Amino acid sequence: MASSDEFLELLRDQLSGLGSIRIRRMFGGAGVYCDGVMFALVSDDTLYLKADDVNRSDFEARSLAPFRYATRNGRTTIMSYWRAPDDLLDDTDELATWARAALAAARRAQQKKPKRIRTPAET
């Protein structure tokens, strides 16, 4: 599930037009953030983009699959990140289009989450 430094640097360069791109390693892969919002993940040098009801059909139309992983208890968890088309890495304009849609999906998901109220002990 590791992701190479070279692949992550390539993504950072190609996505820089979206805003402030930050890549954070996690669980052997990496999360890709724009202006503090995670909109993509990388596993085994494969890019997965956030999808929801608005943009999921773009992935389905190209027979792309969601990211899934096995949990410790043997169950399979399917996430809302879908494999990006391989040809996006050769076309930065098309990558930007798909990434903007993923970022919009991530922002919509963020808005749906209830605001967490911190108690005085948590601050």
C-alpha atoms as a PDB file:
ATOM      1  CA  MET A   1       0.000   0.000   0.000  1.00  0.00           C
ATOM      2  CA  ALA A   2       3.049   2.262  -0.091  1.00  0.00           C
ATOM      3  CA  SER A   3       3.219   5.306  -2.316  1.00  0.00           C
ATOM      4  CA  SER A   4       6.478   6.532  -3.792  1.00  0.00           C
ATOM      5  CA  ASP A   5       7.827   9.989  -3.100  1.00  0.00           C
ATOM      6  CA  GLU A   6       8.181  10.539  -6.860  1.00  0.00           C
ATOM      7  CA  PHE A   7       4.502   9.814  -7.532  1.00  0.00           C
ATOM      8  CA  LEU A   8       3.365  12.064  -4.694  1.00  0.00           C
ATOM      9  CA  GLU A   9       5.604  14.893  -5.912  1.00  0.00           C
ATOM     10  CA  LEU A  10       4.220  14.502  -9.451  1.00  0.00           C
ATOM     11  CA  LEU A  11       0.674  14.817  -8.068  1.00  0.00           C
ATOM     12  CA  ARG A  12       1.591  17.846  -5.982  1.00  0.00           C
ATOM     13  CA  ASP A  13       2.988  19.562  -9.079  1.00  0.00           C
ATOM     14  CA  GLN A  14       0.086  18.647 -11.338  1.00  0.00           C
ATOM     15  CA  LEU A  15      -2.557  19.681  -8.792  1.00  0.00           C
ATOM     16  CA  SER A  16      -0.908  22.930  -7.712  1.00  0.00           C
ATOM     17  CA  GLY A  17      -3.334  25.009  -9.790  1.00  0.00           C
ATOM     18  CA  LEU A  18      -6.204  24.043  -7.457  1.00  0.00           C
ATOM     19  CA  GLY A  19      -4.825  25.824  -4.418  1.00  0.00           C
ATOM     20  CA  SER A  20      -2.554  24.961  -1.530  1.00  0.00           C
ATOM     21  CA  ILE A  21      -1.852  21.244  -1.984  1.00  0.00           C
ATOM     22  CA  ARG A  22      -0.597  19.251   0.984  1.00  0.00           C
ATOM     23  CA  ILE A  23       0.058  15.518   0.986  1.00  0.00           C
ATOM     24  CA  ARG A  24       0.044  13.647   4.274  1.00  0.00           C
ATOM     25  CA  ARG A  25       1.210  10.048   4.572  1.00  0.00           C
ATOM     26  CA  MET A  26      -1.202   7.763   6.387  1.00  0.00           C
ATOM     27  CA  PHE A  27      -1.677   4.007   6.735  1.00  0.00           C
ATOM     28  CA  GLY A  28       0.932   3.257   4.071  1.00  0.00           C
ATOM     29  CA  GLY A  29      -0.750   5.559   1.556  1.00  0.00           C
ATOM     30  CA  ALA A  30      -1.316   9.285   1.504  1.00  0.00           C
ATOM     31  CA  GLY A  31      -4.129  11.791   1.773  1.00  0.00           C
ATOM     32  CA  VAL A  32      -4.191  14.693  -0.693  1.00  0.00           C
ATOM     33  CA  TYR A  33      -5.533  17.979   0.674  1.00  0.00           C
ATOM     34  CA  CYS A  34      -6.395  21.263  -0.968  1.00  0.00           C
ATOM     35  CA  ASP A  35      -6.780  24.225   1.355  1.00  0.00           C
ATOM     36  CA  GLY A  36      -7.183  21.811   4.271  1.00  0.00           C
ATOM     37  CA  VAL A  37      -9.838  19.567   2.636  1.00  0.00           C
ATOM     38  CA  MET A  38      -8.950  15.953   1.812  1.00  0.00           C
ATOM     39  CA  PHE A  39     -10.226  15.270  -1.704  1.00  0.00           C
ATOM     40  CA  ALA A  40      -8.020  12.399  -2.832  1.00  0.00           C
ATOM     41  CA  LEU A  41      -5.993   9.519  -1.537  1.00  0.00           C
ATOM     42  CA  VAL A  42      -3.089   7.576  -2.950  1.00  0.00           C
ATOM     43  CA  SER A  43      -2.400   3.893  -2.440  1.00  0.00           C
ATOM     44  CA  ASP A  44       0.249   1.901  -4.316  1.00  0.00           C
ATOM     45  CA  ASP A  45       0.880   4.899  -6.592  1.00  0.00           C
ATOM     46  CA  THR A  46      -2.777   4.879  -7.615  1.00  0.00           C
ATOM     47  CA  LEU A  47      -4.867   8.037  -7.305  1.00  0.00           C
ATOM     48  CA  TYR A  48      -8.384   7.848  -5.881  1.00  0.00           C
ATOM     49  CA  LEU A  49     -10.678  10.886  -5.965  1.00  0.00           C
ATOM     50  CA  LYS A  50     -13.593  11.747  -3.656  1.00  0.00           C
ATOM     51  CA  ALA A  51     -16.978  10.912  -5.153  1.00  0.00           C
ATOM     52  CA  ASP A  52     -20.572  11.493  -4.160  1.00  0.00           C
ATOM     53  CA  ASP A  53     -23.990  11.446  -5.826  1.00  0.00           C
ATOM     54  CA  VAL A  54     -23.010  14.373  -8.047  1.00  0.00           C
ATOM     55  CA  ASN A  55     -19.827  12.986  -9.650  1.00  0.00           C
ATOM     56  CA  ARG A  56     -19.962   9.209  -9.005  1.00  0.00           C
ATOM     57  CA  SER A  57     -21.500   8.558 -12.425  1.00  0.00           C
ATOM     58  CA  ASP A  58     -18.310   9.852 -14.095  1.00  0.00           C
ATOM     59  CA  PHE A  59     -16.369   7.033 -12.441  1.00  0.00           C
ATOM     60  CA  GLU A  60     -19.055   4.443 -13.120  1.00  0.00           C
ATOM     61  CA  ALA A  61     -19.205   5.427 -16.804  1.00  0.00           C
ATOM     62  CA  ARG A  62     -15.532   4.460 -17.097  1.00  0.00           C
ATOM     63  CA  SER A  63     -15.962   1.242 -15.080  1.00  0.00           C
ATOM     64  CA  LEU A  64     -13.738   2.544 -12.285  1.00  0.00           C
ATOM     65  CA  ALA A  65     -14.007   1.087  -8.793  1.00  0.00           C
ATOM     66  CA  PRO A  66     -14.050   2.598  -5.320  1.00  0.00           C
ATOM     67  CA  PHE A  67     -11.128   2.222  -2.944  1.00  0.00           C
ATOM     68  CA  ARG A  68     -11.586  -0.748  -0.651  1.00  0.00           C
ATOM     69  CA  TYR A  69      -9.499  -2.378   2.019  1.00  0.00           C
ATOM     70  CA  ALA A  70      -9.699  -5.335   4.382  1.00  0.00           C
ATOM     71  CA  THR A  71     -10.125  -4.581   8.068  1.00  0.00           C
ATOM     72  CA  ARG A  72      -8.454  -6.545  10.861  1.00  0.00           C
ATOM     73  CA  ASN A  73     -11.573  -8.639  11.366  1.00  0.00           C
ATOM     74  CA  GLY A  74     -11.620  -9.678   7.708  1.00  0.00           C
ATOM     75  CA  ARG A  75     -14.389  -7.383   6.514  1.00  0.00           C
ATOM     76  CA  THR A  76     -14.012  -5.241   3.426  1.00  0.00           C
ATOM     77  CA  THR A  77     -14.560  -1.514   3.796  1.00  0.00           C
ATOM     78  CA  ILE A  78     -15.498   0.508   0.727  1.00  0.00           C
ATOM     79  CA  MET A  79     -14.731   4.206   0.825  1.00  0.00           C
ATOM     80  CA  SER A  80     -16.128   7.166  -1.112  1.00  0.00           C
ATOM     81  CA  TYR A  81     -12.878   7.576  -3.050  1.00  0.00           C
ATOM     82  CA  TRP A  82     -12.872   6.126  -6.566  1.00  0.00           C
ATOM     83  CA  ARG A  83      -9.948   5.184  -8.775  1.00  0.00           C
ATOM     84  CA  ALA A  84      -9.018   8.042 -11.097  1.00  0.00           C
ATOM     85  CA  PRO A  85      -8.691   7.237 -14.790  1.00  0.00           C
ATOM     86  CA  ASP A  86      -5.065   6.362 -15.565  1.00  0.00           C
ATOM     87  CA  ASP A  87      -4.913   8.786 -18.493  1.00  0.00           C
ATOM     88  CA  LEU A  88      -5.477  11.797 -16.208  1.00  0.00           C
ATOM     89  CA  LEU A  89      -1.805  11.859 -15.278  1.00  0.00           C
ATOM     90  CA  ASP A  90      -0.985  12.552 -18.936  1.00  0.00           C
ATOM     91  CA  ASP A  91      -3.437  15.465 -19.236  1.00  0.00           C
ATOM     92  CA  THR A  92      -3.140  18.096 -16.514  1.00  0.00           C
ATOM     93  CA  ASP A  93      -6.225  19.991 -17.717  1.00  0.00           C
ATOM     94  CA  GLU A  94      -8.396  16.884 -17.488  1.00  0.00           C
ATOM     95  CA  LEU A  95      -6.829  15.989 -14.135  1.00  0.00           C
ATOM     96  CA  ALA A  96      -7.708  19.467 -12.869  1.00  0.00           C
ATOM     97  CA  THR A  97     -11.330  19.012 -14.004  1.00  0.00           C
ATOM     98  CA  TRP A  98     -11.695  15.699 -12.173  1.00  0.00           C
ATOM     99  CA  ALA A  99      -9.829  17.039  -9.120  1.00  0.00           C
ATOM    100  CA  ARG A 100     -12.111  20.098  -8.908  1.00  0.00           C
ATOM    101  CA  ALA A 101     -15.151  17.787  -8.960  1.00  0.00           C
ATOM    102  CA  ALA A 102     -13.572  15.653  -6.219  1.00  0.00           C
ATOM    103  CA  LEU A 103     -12.780  18.734  -4.153  1.00  0.00           C
ATOM    104  CA  ALA A 104     -16.387  19.904  -4.522  1.00  0.00           C
ATOM    105  CA  ALA A 105     -17.591  16.449  -3.378  1.00  0.00           C
ATOM    106  CA  ALA A 106     -15.265  16.617  -0.362  1.00  0.00           C
ATOM    107  CA  ARG A 107     -16.561  20.069   0.539  1.00  0.00           C
ATOM    108  CA  ARG A 108     -20.178  18.875   0.241  1.00  0.00           C
ATOM    109  CA  ALA A 109     -19.388  15.934   2.539  1.00  0.00           C
ATOM    110  CA  GLN A 110     -17.758  18.297   5.012  1.00  0.00           C
ATOM    111  CA  GLN A 111     -20.878  20.480   5.097  1.00  0.00           C
ATOM    112  CA  LYS A 112     -23.058  17.455   5.898  1.00  0.00           C
ATOM    113  CA  LYS A 113     -21.037  16.544   8.985  1.00  0.00           C
ATOM    114  CA  PRO A 114     -22.447  17.910  12.226  1.00  0.00           C
ATOM    115  CA  LYS A 115     -20.303  20.528  13.887  1.00  0.00           C
ATOM    116  CA  ARG A 116     -18.442  19.136  16.864  1.00  0.00           C
ATOM    117  CA  ILE A 117     -18.820  21.174  19.993  1.00  0.00           C
ATOM    118  CA  ARG A 118     -15.761  21.027  22.217  1.00  0.00           C
ATOM    119  CA  THR A 119     -16.143  20.867  25.947  1.00  0.00           C
ATOM    120  CA  PRO A 120     -13.822  22.999  28.124  1.00  0.00           C
ATOM    121  CA  ALA A 121     -11.785  19.853  28.944  1.00  0.00           C
ATOM    122  CA  GLU A 122     -10.972  19.325  25.215  1.00  0.00           C
ATOM    123  CA  THR A 123      -9.575  22.784  24.543  1.00  0.00           C
END
